[in-house]
Amino acid sequence: MVVIRKLYGVAALLMICEWMCTAQAQGSHNTLETSLHQLFSEMVQSGSDAIKEDLCESIAANLDSLLHDPATFDHPFDVLKNLGKIYSPDRRIRFYTWNLQYRERSNRYYGFIQYKPKEGEVPLVYRLYDDSDNTEDPEDAVLNHESWYGALIYEIVEQMHNGITYYITLGYDPCDLFISRKIIDVLHFEEGTEPVFGHPFFREGNDVHSRIVFEYSAKVQMALNWVSSLNMIVFDHLSPERPSYTGNYQFYGPDFSYDGFKFENGFWNLTEDIDIRNIPE
């Protein structure tokens, strides 16, 4: 009986220690989350572009430190309303994105990825550096986490091809005062750990692109979403207000028709004039 009592005592002590460690970690997460919330609030309220940049770098530094704790992969970060957070369907990736809007209404994007190479492994952490202003031929460029074509990621579609998992990301870029963008990008990991953005997946007629960038008037909204019932990425078809505005994307907007990309034979193939009536939700 004495031995059993001792074993119960040891087990109880271990449970208490585990609970205390979890509570301490949770308390630390909450403290850092509160600090990040304050930094985001200061960034949004600041009227100085230089101060906003400094605050975003402070946010990035604090978030980088925080995300290296594996427990944060499942932490909700509910307090951080200015931070976009989204999991991939297989829950091996979690994206974090936010934007800095300058006084003249242009934007810079910041982001992180937590990635589990295998289920149960400690997540790897990558900071994403927005280099979209310097990206030549963005629809054909293959990039990495240090040359990311920045956007606010709001949806992820998982696609397996030739034994590799590709993550199709849908993103929003409120570019500037005149133009907004929606972006279909693709992420995979080379050699299991190195993030690569862009892949020659998207076929439009005879052309194949590594990502798709839509530009349209900042005065309107464009739909771009995964529709599971069609197994397709569906989006508004964009047209100029007048023929004379062709190529001037600040005058483009939805024309009440819809197109989509569907994965077949190793490519996301463009399908035009989709009938989206009576689609099951």
C-alpha atoms as a PDB file:
ATOM      1  CA  MET A   1       0.000   0.000   0.000  1.00  0.00           C
ATOM      2  CA  VAL A   2       2.860   2.375   0.808  1.00  0.00           C
ATOM      3  CA  VAL A   3       4.395   1.779  -2.629  1.00  0.00           C
ATOM      4  CA  ILE A   4       1.054   2.379  -4.349  1.00  0.00           C
ATOM      5  CA  ARG A   5       0.542   5.588  -2.390  1.00  0.00           C
ATOM      6  CA  LYS A   6       4.033   6.736  -3.385  1.00  0.00           C
ATOM      7  CA  LEU A   7       3.306   5.975  -7.035  1.00  0.00           C
ATOM      8  CA  TYR A   8       0.041   7.899  -6.834  1.00  0.00           C
ATOM      9  CA  GLY A   9       1.930  10.746  -5.182  1.00  0.00           C
ATOM     10  CA  VAL A  10       4.561  10.831  -7.924  1.00  0.00           C
ATOM     11  CA  ALA A  11       1.878  10.721 -10.628  1.00  0.00           C
ATOM     12  CA  ALA A  12      -0.028  13.550  -8.974  1.00  0.00           C
ATOM     13  CA  LEU A  13       3.161  15.589  -8.658  1.00  0.00           C
ATOM     14  CA  LEU A  14       3.943  15.073 -12.339  1.00  0.00           C
ATOM     15  CA  MET A  15       0.409  16.119 -13.276  1.00  0.00           C
ATOM     16  CA  ILE A  16       0.726  19.252 -11.154  1.00  0.00           C
ATOM     17  CA  CYS A  17       4.110  20.086 -12.702  1.00  0.00           C
ATOM     18  CA  GLU A  18       2.704  19.580 -16.191  1.00  0.00           C
ATOM     19  CA  TRP A  19      -0.290  21.763 -15.384  1.00  0.00           C
ATOM     20  CA  MET A  20       1.973  24.469 -13.935  1.00  0.00           C
ATOM     21  CA  CYS A  21       4.223  24.429 -17.024  1.00  0.00           C
ATOM     22  CA  THR A  22       1.202  24.628 -19.314  1.00  0.00           C
ATOM     23  CA  ALA A  23      -0.289  27.440 -17.255  1.00  0.00           C
ATOM     24  CA  GLN A  24       3.021  29.326 -17.260  1.00  0.00           C
ATOM     25  CA  ALA A  25       3.357  28.901 -21.035  1.00  0.00           C
ATOM     26  CA  GLN A  26      -0.227  30.010 -21.564  1.00  0.00           C
ATOM     27  CA  GLY A  27       0.365  33.004 -19.310  1.00  0.00           C
ATOM     28  CA  SER A  28       3.492  33.902 -21.272  1.00  0.00           C
ATOM     29  CA  HIS A  29       1.586  33.604 -24.561  1.00  0.00           C
ATOM     30  CA  ASN A  30      -1.183  35.834 -23.231  1.00  0.00           C
ATOM     31  CA  THR A  31       1.321  38.430 -22.034  1.00  0.00           C
ATOM     32  CA  LEU A  32       3.084  38.540 -25.399  1.00  0.00           C
ATOM     33  CA  GLU A  33      -0.256  38.583 -27.197  1.00  0.00           C
ATOM     34  CA  THR A  34      -1.302  41.613 -25.155  1.00  0.00           C
ATOM     35  CA  SER A  35       1.963  43.342 -26.054  1.00  0.00           C
ATOM     36  CA  LEU A  36       1.425  42.555 -29.738  1.00  0.00           C
ATOM     37  CA  HIS A  37      -2.127  43.877 -29.539  1.00  0.00           C
ATOM     38  CA  GLN A  38      -0.762  47.160 -28.181  1.00  0.00           C
ATOM     39  CA  LEU A  39       1.825  47.380 -30.979  1.00  0.00           C
ATOM     40  CA  PHE A  40      -0.837  46.744 -33.621  1.00  0.00           C
ATOM     41  CA  SER A  41      -3.052  49.446 -32.074  1.00  0.00           C
ATOM     42  CA  GLU A  42      -0.206  51.956 -32.120  1.00  0.00           C
ATOM     43  CA  MET A  43       0.604  51.048 -35.730  1.00  0.00           C
ATOM     44  CA  VAL A  44      -2.984  51.557 -36.896  1.00  0.00           C
ATOM     45  CA  GLN A  45      -3.334  54.873 -35.055  1.00  0.00           C
ATOM     46  CA  SER A  46       0.032  56.355 -36.043  1.00  0.00           C
ATOM     47  CA  GLY A  47       0.111  59.082 -38.677  1.00  0.00           C
ATOM     48  CA  SER A  48       3.818  58.613 -39.382  1.00  0.00           C
ATOM     49  CA  ASP A  49       4.948  56.120 -42.012  1.00  0.00           C
ATOM     50  CA  ALA A  50       8.378  55.815 -40.377  1.00  0.00           C
ATOM     51  CA  ILE A  51       6.827  55.023 -36.993  1.00  0.00           C
ATOM     52  CA  LYS A  52       4.495  52.484 -38.623  1.00  0.00           C
ATOM     53  CA  GLU A  53       7.481  50.734 -40.195  1.00  0.00           C
ATOM     54  CA  ASP A  54       9.307  50.630 -36.849  1.00  0.00           C
ATOM     55  CA  LEU A  55       6.211  49.247 -35.130  1.00  0.00           C
ATOM     56  CA  CYS A  56       5.777  46.565 -37.805  1.00  0.00           C
ATOM     57  CA  GLU A  57       9.374  45.484 -37.324  1.00  0.00           C
ATOM     58  CA  SER A  58       8.744  45.279 -33.563  1.00  0.00           C
ATOM     59  CA  ILE A  59       5.615  43.218 -34.224  1.00  0.00           C
ATOM     60  CA  ALA A  60       7.595  40.917 -36.523  1.00  0.00           C
ATOM     61  CA  ALA A  61      10.400  40.479 -33.984  1.00  0.00           C
ATOM     62  CA  ASN A  62       7.995  39.670 -31.150  1.00  0.00           C
ATOM     63  CA  LEU A  63       5.898  37.368 -33.312  1.00  0.00           C
ATOM     64  CA  ASP A  64       8.994  35.574 -34.589  1.00  0.00           C
ATOM     65  CA  SER A  65      10.061  34.840 -31.021  1.00  0.00           C
ATOM     66  CA  LEU A  66       6.565  33.747 -30.036  1.00  0.00           C
ATOM     67  CA  LEU A  67       5.982  31.433 -33.017  1.00  0.00           C
ATOM     68  CA  HIS A  68       9.130  29.452 -32.289  1.00  0.00           C
ATOM     69  CA  ASP A  69       7.261  28.006 -29.327  1.00  0.00           C
ATOM     70  CA  PRO A  70       5.544  24.912 -30.820  1.00  0.00           C
ATOM     71  CA  ALA A  71       2.513  25.402 -28.563  1.00  0.00           C
ATOM     72  CA  THR A  72       1.571  28.569 -30.458  1.00  0.00           C
ATOM     73  CA  PHE A  73       0.633  26.508 -33.525  1.00  0.00           C
ATOM     74  CA  ASP A  74      -2.697  25.810 -31.814  1.00  0.00           C
ATOM     75  CA  HIS A  75      -2.985  29.102 -29.950  1.00  0.00           C
ATOM     76  CA  PRO A  76      -6.025  31.070 -31.244  1.00  0.00           C
ATOM     77  CA  PHE A  77      -4.539  34.617 -30.925  1.00  0.00           C
ATOM     78  CA  ASP A  78      -8.113  35.890 -30.650  1.00  0.00           C
ATOM     79  CA  VAL A  79      -6.998  39.258 -29.295  1.00  0.00           C
ATOM     80  CA  LEU A  80      -4.999  40.060 -32.451  1.00  0.00           C
ATOM     81  CA  LYS A  81      -7.760  41.275 -34.774  1.00  0.00           C
ATOM     82  CA  ASN A  82      -5.274  42.932 -37.158  1.00  0.00           C
ATOM     83  CA  LEU A  83      -3.389  39.683 -37.710  1.00  0.00           C
ATOM     84  CA  GLY A  84      -4.728  37.267 -40.325  1.00  0.00           C
ATOM     85  CA  LYS A  85      -4.428  33.627 -39.215  1.00  0.00           C
ATOM     86  CA  ILE A  86      -5.360  30.624 -41.344  1.00  0.00           C
ATOM     87  CA  TYR A  87      -4.577  26.897 -41.405  1.00  0.00           C
ATOM     88  CA  SER A  88      -4.136  24.711 -44.457  1.00  0.00           C
ATOM     89  CA  PRO A  89      -6.777  21.964 -44.797  1.00  0.00           C
ATOM     90  CA  ASP A  90      -4.281  19.334 -43.556  1.00  0.00           C
ATOM     91  CA  ARG A  91      -3.305  21.594 -40.607  1.00  0.00           C
ATOM     92  CA  ARG A  92       0.378  21.276 -41.422  1.00  0.00           C
ATOM     93  CA  ILE A  93       0.677  24.979 -42.277  1.00  0.00           C
ATOM     94  CA  ARG A  94      -0.469  28.114 -40.533  1.00  0.00           C
ATOM     95  CA  PHE A  95      -0.174  31.483 -42.268  1.00  0.00           C
ATOM     96  CA  TYR A  96       0.003  34.794 -40.401  1.00  0.00           C
ATOM     97  CA  THR A  97      -0.292  37.988 -42.482  1.00  0.00           C
ATOM     98  CA  TRP A  98      -0.868  41.693 -41.945  1.00  0.00           C
ATOM     99  CA  ASN A  99      -0.375  44.914 -43.882  1.00  0.00           C
ATOM    100  CA  LEU A 100       1.061  48.351 -43.327  1.00  0.00           C
ATOM    101  CA  GLN A 101      -0.899  51.013 -45.177  1.00  0.00           C
ATOM    102  CA  TYR A 102       1.086  54.156 -45.934  1.00  0.00           C
ATOM    103  CA  ARG A 103      -0.406  57.632 -45.909  1.00  0.00           C
ATOM    104  CA  GLU A 104      -0.677  57.699 -49.711  1.00  0.00           C
ATOM    105  CA  ARG A 105      -2.614  54.383 -49.457  1.00  0.00           C
ATOM    106  CA  SER A 106       0.032  52.026 -50.827  1.00  0.00           C
ATOM    107  CA  ASN A 107       0.638  48.850 -48.795  1.00  0.00           C
ATOM    108  CA  ARG A 108       3.445  46.631 -47.582  1.00  0.00           C
ATOM    109  CA  TYR A 109       2.808  43.099 -46.369  1.00  0.00           C
ATOM    110  CA  TYR A 110       4.293  41.116 -43.515  1.00  0.00           C
ATOM    111  CA  GLY A 111       3.905  37.459 -42.783  1.00  0.00           C
ATOM    112  CA  PHE A 112       5.032  34.226 -41.187  1.00  0.00           C
ATOM    113  CA  ILE A 113       4.537  30.548 -41.880  1.00  0.00           C
ATOM    114  CA  GLN A 114       4.568  27.786 -39.312  1.00  0.00           C
ATOM    115  CA  TYR A 115       5.068  24.473 -41.106  1.00  0.00           C
ATOM    116  CA  LYS A 116       5.064  20.897 -39.814  1.00  0.00           C
ATOM    117  CA  PRO A 117       7.043  18.724 -42.290  1.00  0.00           C
ATOM    118  CA  LYS A 118       5.331  15.706 -40.740  1.00  0.00           C
ATOM    119  CA  GLU A 119       2.381  15.288 -38.410  1.00  0.00           C
ATOM    120  CA  GLY A 120       3.503  15.653 -34.806  1.00  0.00           C
ATOM    121  CA  GLU A 121       6.807  17.351 -35.637  1.00  0.00           C
ATOM    122  CA  VAL A 122       7.860  20.696 -34.196  1.00  0.00           C
ATOM    123  CA  PRO A 123       6.770  23.472 -36.616  1.00  0.00           C
ATOM    124  CA  LEU A 124       9.412  25.265 -38.649  1.00  0.00           C
ATOM    125  CA  VAL A 125       9.030  29.047 -38.758  1.00  0.00           C
ATOM    126  CA  TYR A 126       9.652  31.273 -41.786  1.00  0.00           C
ATOM    127  CA  ARG A 127       9.290  35.010 -41.946  1.00  0.00           C
ATOM    128  CA  LEU A 128       7.844  36.265 -45.246  1.00  0.00           C
ATOM    129  CA  TYR A 129       9.409  39.375 -46.780  1.00  0.00           C
ATOM    130  CA  ASP A 130       7.242  41.289 -49.249  1.00  0.00           C
ATOM    131  CA  ASP A 131       9.207  41.987 -52.430  1.00  0.00           C
ATOM    132  CA  SER A 132       6.250  42.499 -54.770  1.00  0.00           C
ATOM    133  CA  ASP A 133       7.369  46.001 -55.796  1.00  0.00           C
ATOM    134  CA  ASN A 134      10.585  44.518 -57.214  1.00  0.00           C
ATOM    135  CA  THR A 135       9.103  41.383 -58.770  1.00  0.00           C
ATOM    136  CA  GLU A 136       9.414  41.341 -62.549  1.00  0.00           C
ATOM    137  CA  ASP A 137       6.814  39.284 -64.424  1.00  0.00           C
ATOM    138  CA  PRO A 138       4.958  38.373 -61.209  1.00  0.00           C
ATOM    139  CA  GLU A 139       2.739  35.807 -62.936  1.00  0.00           C
ATOM    140  CA  ASP A 140       5.778  33.804 -64.042  1.00  0.00           C
ATOM    141  CA  ALA A 141       8.252  34.359 -61.202  1.00  0.00           C
ATOM    142  CA  VAL A 142       9.213  31.543 -58.826  1.00  0.00           C
ATOM    143  CA  LEU A 143       9.996  33.066 -55.427  1.00  0.00           C
ATOM    144  CA  ASN A 144      10.969  32.140 -51.880  1.00  0.00           C
ATOM    145  CA  HIS A 145      10.082  33.414 -48.405  1.00  0.00           C
ATOM    146  CA  GLU A 146      12.557  36.279 -48.768  1.00  0.00           C
ATOM    147  CA  SER A 147      11.023  37.453 -52.063  1.00  0.00           C
ATOM    148  CA  TRP A 148       7.344  36.805 -51.329  1.00  0.00           C
ATOM    149  CA  TYR A 149       4.649  38.396 -53.507  1.00  0.00           C
ATOM    150  CA  GLY A 150       2.825  39.867 -50.524  1.00  0.00           C
ATOM    151  CA  ALA A 151      -0.906  39.681 -49.833  1.00  0.00           C
ATOM    152  CA  LEU A 152      -3.382  39.044 -47.041  1.00  0.00           C
ATOM    153  CA  ILE A 153      -4.010  35.287 -47.231  1.00  0.00           C
ATOM    154  CA  TYR A 154      -7.657  34.367 -46.621  1.00  0.00           C
ATOM    155  CA  GLU A 155      -8.112  30.876 -48.116  1.00  0.00           C
ATOM    156  CA  ILE A 156      -5.938  27.824 -48.787  1.00  0.00           C
ATOM    157  CA  VAL A 157      -6.667  24.913 -51.139  1.00  0.00           C
ATOM    158  CA  GLU A 158      -4.640  21.718 -50.904  1.00  0.00           C
ATOM    159  CA  GLN A 159      -3.607  19.876 -54.082  1.00  0.00           C
ATOM    160  CA  MET A 160      -1.500  16.713 -54.325  1.00  0.00           C
ATOM    161  CA  HIS A 161       0.471  16.230 -57.548  1.00  0.00           C
ATOM    162  CA  ASN A 162       3.264  13.772 -58.326  1.00  0.00           C
ATOM    163  CA  GLY A 163       3.634  12.967 -54.637  1.00  0.00           C
ATOM    164  CA  ILE A 164       4.067  16.621 -53.619  1.00  0.00           C
ATOM    165  CA  THR A 165       1.537  18.641 -51.622  1.00  0.00           C
ATOM    166  CA  TYR A 166       0.905  22.063 -53.130  1.00  0.00           C
ATOM    167  CA  TYR A 167      -0.964  24.738 -51.198  1.00  0.00           C
ATOM    168  CA  ILE A 168      -2.949  27.143 -53.382  1.00  0.00           C
ATOM    169  CA  THR A 169      -3.331  30.438 -51.531  1.00  0.00           C
ATOM    170  CA  LEU A 170      -5.945  33.074 -52.258  1.00  0.00           C
ATOM    171  CA  GLY A 171      -4.911  36.554 -51.211  1.00  0.00           C
ATOM    172  CA  TYR A 172      -6.105  40.155 -51.197  1.00  0.00           C
ATOM    173  CA  ASP A 173      -3.918  43.181 -51.896  1.00  0.00           C
ATOM    174  CA  PRO A 174      -5.594  46.589 -51.447  1.00  0.00           C
ATOM    175  CA  CYS A 175      -2.731  47.887 -53.536  1.00  0.00           C
ATOM    176  CA  ASP A 176      -3.220  51.654 -53.545  1.00  0.00           C
ATOM    177  CA  LEU A 177      -5.769  54.427 -53.956  1.00  0.00           C
ATOM    178  CA  PHE A 178      -6.697  53.342 -57.482  1.00  0.00           C
ATOM    179  CA  ILE A 179      -6.106  49.598 -57.858  1.00  0.00           C
ATOM    180  CA  SER A 180      -6.791  46.484 -55.779  1.00  0.00           C
ATOM    181  CA  ARG A 181      -5.518  42.980 -56.482  1.00  0.00           C
ATOM    182  CA  LYS A 182      -6.581  39.408 -55.857  1.00  0.00           C
ATOM    183  CA  ILE A 183      -3.823  36.809 -56.127  1.00  0.00           C
ATOM    184  CA  ILE A 184      -3.802  33.061 -56.654  1.00  0.00           C
ATOM    185  CA  ASP A 185      -0.404  31.800 -55.541  1.00  0.00           C
ATOM    186  CA  VAL A 186       0.989  28.341 -54.867  1.00  0.00           C
ATOM    187  CA  LEU A 187       3.339  27.159 -52.131  1.00  0.00           C
ATOM    188  CA  HIS A 188       5.260  23.920 -51.815  1.00  0.00           C
ATOM    189  CA  PHE A 189       8.356  22.834 -49.903  1.00  0.00           C
ATOM    190  CA  GLU A 190      11.455  21.630 -51.704  1.00  0.00           C
ATOM    191  CA  GLU A 191      13.472  18.901 -49.973  1.00  0.00           C
ATOM    192  CA  GLY A 192      10.749  18.916 -47.350  1.00  0.00           C
ATOM    193  CA  THR A 193      11.678  22.188 -45.692  1.00  0.00           C
ATOM    194  CA  GLU A 194      12.396  25.016 -48.156  1.00  0.00           C
ATOM    195  CA  PRO A 195       9.313  27.119 -49.066  1.00  0.00           C
ATOM    196  CA  VAL A 196       8.842  27.933 -52.750  1.00  0.00           C
ATOM    197  CA  PHE A 197       6.162  30.301 -54.035  1.00  0.00           C
ATOM    198  CA  GLY A 198       4.975  29.913 -57.594  1.00  0.00           C
ATOM    199  CA  HIS A 199       4.708  26.880 -59.848  1.00  0.00           C
ATOM    200  CA  PRO A 200       3.783  26.540 -63.565  1.00  0.00           C
ATOM    201  CA  PHE A 201       0.298  25.289 -62.753  1.00  0.00           C
ATOM    202  CA  PHE A 202      -2.183  27.809 -64.176  1.00  0.00           C
ATOM    203  CA  ARG A 203      -3.132  27.288 -67.814  1.00  0.00           C
ATOM    204  CA  GLU A 204      -4.957  29.980 -69.796  1.00  0.00           C
ATOM    205  CA  GLY A 205      -5.209  28.757 -73.381  1.00  0.00           C
ATOM    206  CA  ASN A 206      -1.643  28.235 -74.554  1.00  0.00           C
ATOM    207  CA  ASP A 207      -0.125  30.202 -71.674  1.00  0.00           C
ATOM    208  CA  VAL A 208       0.957  28.663 -68.376  1.00  0.00           C
ATOM    209  CA  HIS A 209       1.653  30.847 -65.331  1.00  0.00           C
ATOM    210  CA  SER A 210       3.188  30.343 -61.890  1.00  0.00           C
ATOM    211  CA  ARG A 211       0.563  32.520 -60.185  1.00  0.00           C
ATOM    212  CA  ILE A 212      -2.434  34.608 -61.227  1.00  0.00           C
ATOM    213  CA  VAL A 213      -2.692  38.316 -60.413  1.00  0.00           C
ATOM    214  CA  PHE A 214      -5.998  40.128 -60.957  1.00  0.00           C
ATOM    215  CA  GLU A 215      -6.012  43.942 -60.983  1.00  0.00           C
ATOM    216  CA  TYR A 216      -9.203  45.995 -60.780  1.00  0.00           C
ATOM    217  CA  SER A 217     -10.638  49.279 -59.540  1.00  0.00           C
ATOM    218  CA  ALA A 218     -10.181  49.993 -55.841  1.00  0.00           C
ATOM    219  CA  LYS A 219     -13.772  51.260 -55.858  1.00  0.00           C
ATOM    220  CA  VAL A 220     -15.269  47.798 -56.423  1.00  0.00           C
ATOM    221  CA  GLN A 221     -15.011  44.320 -54.931  1.00  0.00           C
ATOM    222  CA  MET A 222     -13.995  41.102 -56.658  1.00  0.00           C
ATOM    223  CA  ALA A 223     -15.015  37.594 -55.586  1.00  0.00           C
ATOM    224  CA  LEU A 224     -12.318  34.900 -55.616  1.00  0.00           C
ATOM    225  CA  ASN A 225     -13.100  31.726 -53.690  1.00  0.00           C
ATOM    226  CA  TRP A 226     -12.809  27.964 -53.629  1.00  0.00           C
ATOM    227  CA  VAL A 227     -16.173  26.340 -54.430  1.00  0.00           C
ATOM    228  CA  SER A 228     -15.972  22.769 -53.189  1.00  0.00           C
ATOM    229  CA  SER A 229     -19.187  21.641 -54.898  1.00  0.00           C
ATOM    230  CA  LEU A 230     -17.585  22.481 -58.263  1.00  0.00           C
ATOM    231  CA  ASN A 231     -14.077  21.457 -57.191  1.00  0.00           C
ATOM    232  CA  MET A 232     -13.000  24.779 -58.658  1.00  0.00           C
ATOM    233  CA  ILE A 233     -11.557  28.208 -57.827  1.00  0.00           C
ATOM    234  CA  VAL A 234     -14.316  30.579 -58.987  1.00  0.00           C
ATOM    235  CA  PHE A 235     -13.947  34.319 -59.568  1.00  0.00           C
ATOM    236  CA  ASP A 236     -15.623  37.364 -61.077  1.00  0.00           C
ATOM    237  CA  HIS A 237     -14.726  38.011 -64.695  1.00  0.00           C
ATOM    238  CA  LEU A 238     -13.233  41.505 -64.920  1.00  0.00           C
ATOM    239  CA  SER A 239     -13.895  43.931 -67.784  1.00  0.00           C
ATOM    240  CA  PRO A 240     -13.189  47.630 -68.418  1.00  0.00           C
ATOM    241  CA  GLU A 241     -15.996  50.160 -67.972  1.00  0.00           C
ATOM    242  CA  ARG A 242     -15.507  51.175 -71.608  1.00  0.00           C
ATOM    243  CA  PRO A 243     -13.516  49.651 -74.491  1.00  0.00           C
ATOM    244  CA  SER A 244     -11.276  52.726 -74.468  1.00  0.00           C
ATOM    245  CA  TYR A 245     -10.149  51.766 -70.904  1.00  0.00           C
ATOM    246  CA  THR A 246      -8.788  48.366 -71.993  1.00  0.00           C
ATOM    247  CA  GLY A 247      -5.507  47.725 -70.160  1.00  0.00           C
ATOM    248  CA  ASN A 248      -6.155  50.533 -67.647  1.00  0.00           C
ATOM    249  CA  TYR A 249      -7.009  48.371 -64.641  1.00  0.00           C
ATOM    250  CA  GLN A 250      -8.225  51.135 -62.359  1.00  0.00           C
ATOM    251  CA  PHE A 251     -11.351  51.095 -64.539  1.00  0.00           C
ATOM    252  CA  TYR A 252     -11.906  47.314 -64.424  1.00  0.00           C
ATOM    253  CA  GLY A 253     -14.601  45.580 -62.415  1.00  0.00           C
ATOM    254  CA  PRO A 254     -16.901  42.537 -62.330  1.00  0.00           C
ATOM    255  CA  ASP A 255     -19.201  42.198 -65.344  1.00  0.00           C
ATOM    256  CA  PHE A 256     -21.622  39.691 -63.707  1.00  0.00           C
ATOM    257  CA  SER A 257     -20.068  36.660 -65.389  1.00  0.00           C
ATOM    258  CA  TYR A 258     -17.803  34.104 -63.705  1.00  0.00           C
ATOM    259  CA  ASP A 259     -14.730  32.086 -64.602  1.00  0.00           C
ATOM    260  CA  GLY A 260     -12.773  29.457 -62.728  1.00  0.00           C
ATOM    261  CA  PHE A 261      -9.715  27.248 -62.482  1.00  0.00           C
ATOM    262  CA  LYS A 262     -10.154  23.481 -62.177  1.00  0.00           C
ATOM    263  CA  PHE A 263      -7.337  20.992 -61.616  1.00  0.00           C
ATOM    264  CA  GLU A 264      -7.156  18.425 -64.394  1.00  0.00           C
ATOM    265  CA  ASN A 265      -4.235  16.592 -66.042  1.00  0.00           C
ATOM    266  CA  GLY A 266      -1.629  18.285 -63.874  1.00  0.00           C
ATOM    267  CA  PHE A 267      -2.773  21.890 -64.423  1.00  0.00           C
ATOM    268  CA  TRP A 268      -5.265  24.365 -63.050  1.00  0.00           C
ATOM    269  CA  ASN A 269      -7.130  24.988 -66.310  1.00  0.00           C
ATOM    270  CA  LEU A 270      -9.149  28.126 -66.963  1.00  0.00           C
ATOM    271  CA  THR A 271     -12.868  27.568 -67.539  1.00  0.00           C
ATOM    272  CA  GLU A 272     -14.854  30.574 -68.739  1.00  0.00           C
ATOM    273  CA  ASP A 273     -18.511  31.553 -68.310  1.00  0.00           C
ATOM    274  CA  ILE A 274     -19.395  29.288 -65.399  1.00  0.00           C
ATOM    275  CA  ASP A 275     -23.055  29.042 -64.447  1.00  0.00           C
ATOM    276  CA  ILE A 276     -23.024  29.493 -60.672  1.00  0.00           C
ATOM    277  CA  ARG A 277     -26.791  29.433 -60.232  1.00  0.00           C
ATOM    278  CA  ASN A 278     -28.161  26.780 -57.896  1.00  0.00           C
ATOM    279  CA  ILE A 279     -24.745  25.799 -56.610  1.00  0.00           C
ATOM    280  CA  PRO A 280     -25.096  23.924 -53.268  1.00  0.00           C
ATOM    281  CA  GLU A 281     -23.607  25.829 -50.387  1.00  0.00           C
END
